[in-house]
């Protein structure tokens, strides 16, 4: 059974590059929208980020399935006119060029919506279009640093980067959700709307809990690696065979069960320093050291067996090989110009079955056909 594609019949035009806008557009394509990706003659620069997916960029393969590639130079009057024709027929127009670039080219979002009232416009930026930061270049790691994310990530020795493009991805996810809301609203009112999402705003939303913790305590949340700043015990412990196991204790009932069935010390929750989560957080080195001694005497499998008996939440600290062979990992195949590539499956599992995913386009693969179709 093949999953339905509820956005079939919709046209999305996307002046996009890198990660955030392509993420949004790729999810619209997965849901059935026709997505025309506008690229420069040399292509989206994300095509050159690496060459590990059959000689192609892993980023580009991941985020550009199901799209048509059209090469345009909007400084060329004929290409500019073709873009105007595309937007006139589009349901959604997405852009993440440099701040002000589309307005200077004559494609300001508000003016487009005034001309085409059903159009939904999406402007993706680094920091929005107001204030001193509006003209700042904003790449993912820069925004991780500016938003405070890097300051709470990593080990005590220093700030760290989240190992994936978290700010770009958050922005793309927020943009995709906002487009779906706007399409629902347009189905009721008949009118499109403008959407503006910045990488900074997307991550600032994710940073709400650390921000509130700082404002409530006057202290920045500490960097504590594979641990939790507000819960103890919650972290990774080395086993006798060198495979770390991560545990998470959420409440006192779970703590009591862990002490009895894993630590084999049912009286521990009554001892000073171990009696409540707040007390354990205050004495974290002592608590963690006590637990670590038990883990160090057991193999990973012995730890897993005891943790299951204790009904304690746990997980193994995997690397990418562990992910590749993980029993819960689902993969799907997408066609690319260099052959099929397996990627992670879309997270949402649909009752009518998985959707077929479109192919990743070569640079300008559809230029001739689109020019013929739209008279450009």
Foldseek 3Di string as FASTA:
>chain_A
DADAQVQAPAEEEEADADFQRLQLQQVNLQSHYAYEYEAALVGRCQQVPDLPFLGTHPRLQVRFWRYHFAYADLVDVVRVVLVVLSLLRHQEYEYEDQPPPCVVSVPDPVVSCVVVFNHEYEYEYAPDCDDPCNRPHHAQVNLCVVLCVQQQEDAQVGGDDDPDSVLSHLSNVVRNVVVVVQVVVCVVVVGGYYHYTHSNVSVNVVCVVQVVVCVVPVDGQGHHHQQDSQFPPFGWAAAQVGWIKTFDDDAPLLVQLCCCQQVVHNCQCVDQQNVGGVSVSVVVVVRVVSNNVSRHHHDPVVNVVSCVSSVTDMDTDDDVVCVVPPPPWDWDWAAEPSGIDIDTAPPDADPVGYHDIHHRDDHNNCNVVSCVVSVD
